Amino acid sequence: MRSYRKELWFETKTRRAFINITPILEECLRESGIQEGLLLCNAMHITASVFVNDDEEGLHQDFERWLERLAPEKPYSQYAHNVGEDNADAHLKRTIMGREVVVAVTEGRLDLGPWEQVFYGEFDGRRKKRVLVKIIGE
């Protein structure tokens, strides 16, 4: 069995963002040379997420509104975590959207459904954050 590891770095200009990272993961898979196995992709920061869904702008707006209803950014004083910080909502949003995805690799391709894409979700941006890509297989 072979393995491949790469760190991706993101720095968004906004506090929240959704970035389609599927093409980057496909490039990692090509670099790895692995034809059959699994690709793990996870956010290495507790205020960011990696998840699978449709790449549709209206859906991204729906995510933003839904997450803001569940864990509103303001007022900052509503959160016990926000002592010297203002990102408690980002921790909660990450928990809702998830930490990582695992995608099957079949015949050298990501084995995703027809509309599935992999996204990096940022909930406390404007600073550099890492995402880990780990691919194992043959």
Protein backbone atom coordinates (compact mmCIF):
# COMPACT_ATOMS: atom_id res chain seq x y z
CA MET A 1 0.00 0.00 0.00
CA ARG A 2 1.19 3.52 -0.82
CA SER A 3 0.36 6.79 0.88
CA TYR A 4 0.43 10.45 -0.09
CA ARG A 5 0.20 13.50 2.16
CA LYS A 6 -0.15 17.18 1.29
CA GLU A 7 -1.13 20.30 3.21
CA LEU A 8 -3.27 22.90 1.47
CA TRP A 9 -3.35 26.47 2.77
CA PHE A 10 -6.27 28.88 2.54
CA GLU A 11 -6.64 32.51 3.56
CA THR A 12 -10.00 34.05 2.77
CA LYS A 13 -10.59 37.79 2.59
CA THR A 14 -13.96 37.37 4.32
CA ARG A 15 -14.96 35.89 7.67
CA ARG A 16 -17.01 33.16 5.99
CA ALA A 17 -16.55 31.47 2.62
CA PHE A 18 -17.18 28.25 0.74
CA ILE A 19 -14.43 27.18 -1.68
CA ASN A 20 -14.80 24.28 -4.11
CA ILE A 21 -11.57 22.28 -3.61
CA THR A 22 -12.52 19.32 -5.82
CA PRO A 23 -10.07 20.31 -8.62
CA ILE A 24 -7.26 20.63 -6.07
CA LEU A 25 -8.05 17.17 -4.68
CA GLU A 26 -8.13 15.73 -8.20
CA GLU A 27 -4.64 17.17 -8.77
CA CYS A 28 -3.44 15.64 -5.50
CA LEU A 29 -4.82 12.30 -6.63
CA ARG A 30 -2.94 12.59 -9.96
CA GLU A 31 0.26 13.48 -8.06
CA SER A 32 -0.18 10.46 -5.79
CA GLY A 33 -0.45 7.97 -8.65
CA ILE A 34 -2.89 5.95 -6.54
CA GLN A 35 -5.57 4.19 -8.58
CA GLU A 36 -7.61 2.39 -5.91
CA GLY A 37 -7.99 3.50 -2.30
CA LEU A 38 -9.31 6.30 -0.13
CA LEU A 39 -8.78 10.06 0.02
CA LEU A 40 -9.18 11.76 3.40
CA CYS A 41 -9.45 15.53 3.46
CA ASN A 42 -9.82 17.38 6.75
CA ALA A 43 -9.67 20.90 8.08
CA MET A 44 -6.87 21.28 10.62
CA HIS A 45 -8.47 24.27 12.34
CA ILE A 46 -11.47 24.19 14.64
CA THR A 47 -13.25 27.05 12.88
CA ALA A 48 -13.10 25.56 9.37
CA SER A 49 -14.78 22.61 7.68
CA VAL A 50 -14.53 20.21 4.77
CA PHE A 51 -17.79 18.83 3.42
CA VAL A 52 -19.45 17.40 0.30
CA ASN A 53 -22.40 19.01 -1.43
CA ASP A 54 -23.61 20.62 -4.65
CA ASP A 55 -21.74 23.58 -6.17
CA GLU A 56 -24.74 25.83 -6.54
CA GLU A 57 -24.64 29.50 -5.49
CA GLY A 58 -28.19 29.53 -4.13
CA LEU A 59 -27.40 26.55 -1.93
CA HIS A 60 -24.32 28.33 -0.58
CA GLN A 61 -26.51 31.32 0.30
CA ASP A 62 -28.95 28.94 1.98
CA PHE A 63 -26.08 27.44 4.02
CA GLU A 64 -25.03 30.93 5.10
CA ARG A 65 -28.53 31.91 6.22
CA TRP A 66 -29.20 28.54 7.91
CA LEU A 67 -25.91 28.54 9.80
CA GLU A 68 -26.41 32.14 10.87
CA ARG A 69 -29.85 31.24 12.28
CA LEU A 70 -28.40 28.26 14.18
CA ALA A 71 -25.27 30.04 15.46
CA PRO A 72 -25.46 33.79 14.88
CA GLU A 73 -22.16 35.66 14.89
CA LYS A 74 -23.52 38.56 16.95
CA PRO A 75 -24.05 39.59 19.64
CA TYR A 76 -20.68 38.24 20.71
CA SER A 77 -21.78 38.45 24.34
CA GLN A 78 -24.24 35.55 23.88
CA TYR A 79 -21.37 33.04 23.98
CA ALA A 80 -19.37 31.93 27.03
CA HIS A 81 -16.41 31.10 24.72
CA ASN A 82 -16.07 34.71 23.57
CA VAL A 83 -13.76 35.89 26.34
CA GLY A 84 -11.03 37.74 24.46
CA GLU A 85 -12.32 36.23 21.19
CA ASP A 86 -15.30 36.67 18.90
CA ASN A 87 -15.45 33.33 17.11
CA ALA A 88 -17.66 31.02 19.20
CA ASP A 89 -20.17 30.96 16.35
CA ALA A 90 -17.42 29.68 14.00
CA HIS A 91 -16.73 26.72 16.31
CA LEU A 92 -20.41 25.81 16.29
CA LYS A 93 -20.74 26.22 12.51
CA ARG A 94 -17.77 23.92 11.99
CA THR A 95 -19.38 21.29 14.20
CA ILE A 96 -22.55 21.45 12.12
CA MET A 97 -20.76 21.28 8.73
CA GLY A 98 -18.22 18.65 9.75
CA ARG A 99 -14.48 18.23 9.99
CA GLU A 100 -13.60 15.93 7.10
CA VAL A 101 -14.63 13.85 4.14
CA VAL A 102 -13.46 10.47 2.93
CA VAL A 103 -13.87 9.81 -0.79
CA ALA A 104 -13.33 6.47 -2.50
CA VAL A 105 -10.72 6.39 -5.26
CA THR A 106 -11.66 4.12 -8.16
CA GLU A 107 -9.61 3.74 -11.33
CA GLY A 108 -7.60 6.84 -10.42
CA ARG A 109 -10.63 9.10 -9.98
CA LEU A 110 -12.60 10.49 -7.06
CA ASP A 111 -15.70 8.33 -6.81
CA LEU A 112 -18.21 11.14 -6.25
CA GLY A 113 -21.91 11.20 -7.10
CA PRO A 114 -23.26 13.17 -10.07
CA TRP A 115 -23.47 16.56 -8.33
CA GLU A 116 -21.10 16.01 -5.43
CA GLN A 117 -18.18 18.39 -4.96
CA VAL A 118 -15.81 18.84 -2.01
CA PHE A 119 -15.75 22.21 -0.24
CA TYR A 120 -13.58 24.03 2.24
CA GLY A 121 -15.87 25.97 4.58
CA GLU A 122 -14.36 28.94 6.37
CA PHE A 123 -16.20 30.40 9.38
CA ASP A 124 -13.52 32.65 10.96
CA GLY A 125 -11.38 33.76 8.04
CA ARG A 126 -8.83 36.41 7.21
CA ARG A 127 -5.90 34.27 8.35
CA LYS A 128 -4.02 31.28 6.99
CA LYS A 129 -5.43 27.83 7.74
CA ARG A 130 -4.43 24.31 6.75
CA VAL A 131 -6.29 21.43 5.19
CA LEU A 132 -4.76 17.95 5.16
CA VAL A 133 -5.04 15.62 2.18
CA LYS A 134 -4.09 11.99 2.84
CA ILE A 135 -4.49 9.34 0.16
CA ILE A 136 -3.85 5.65 0.77
CA GLY A 137 -4.12 2.76 -1.61
CA GLU A 138 -2.50 1.09 -4.59
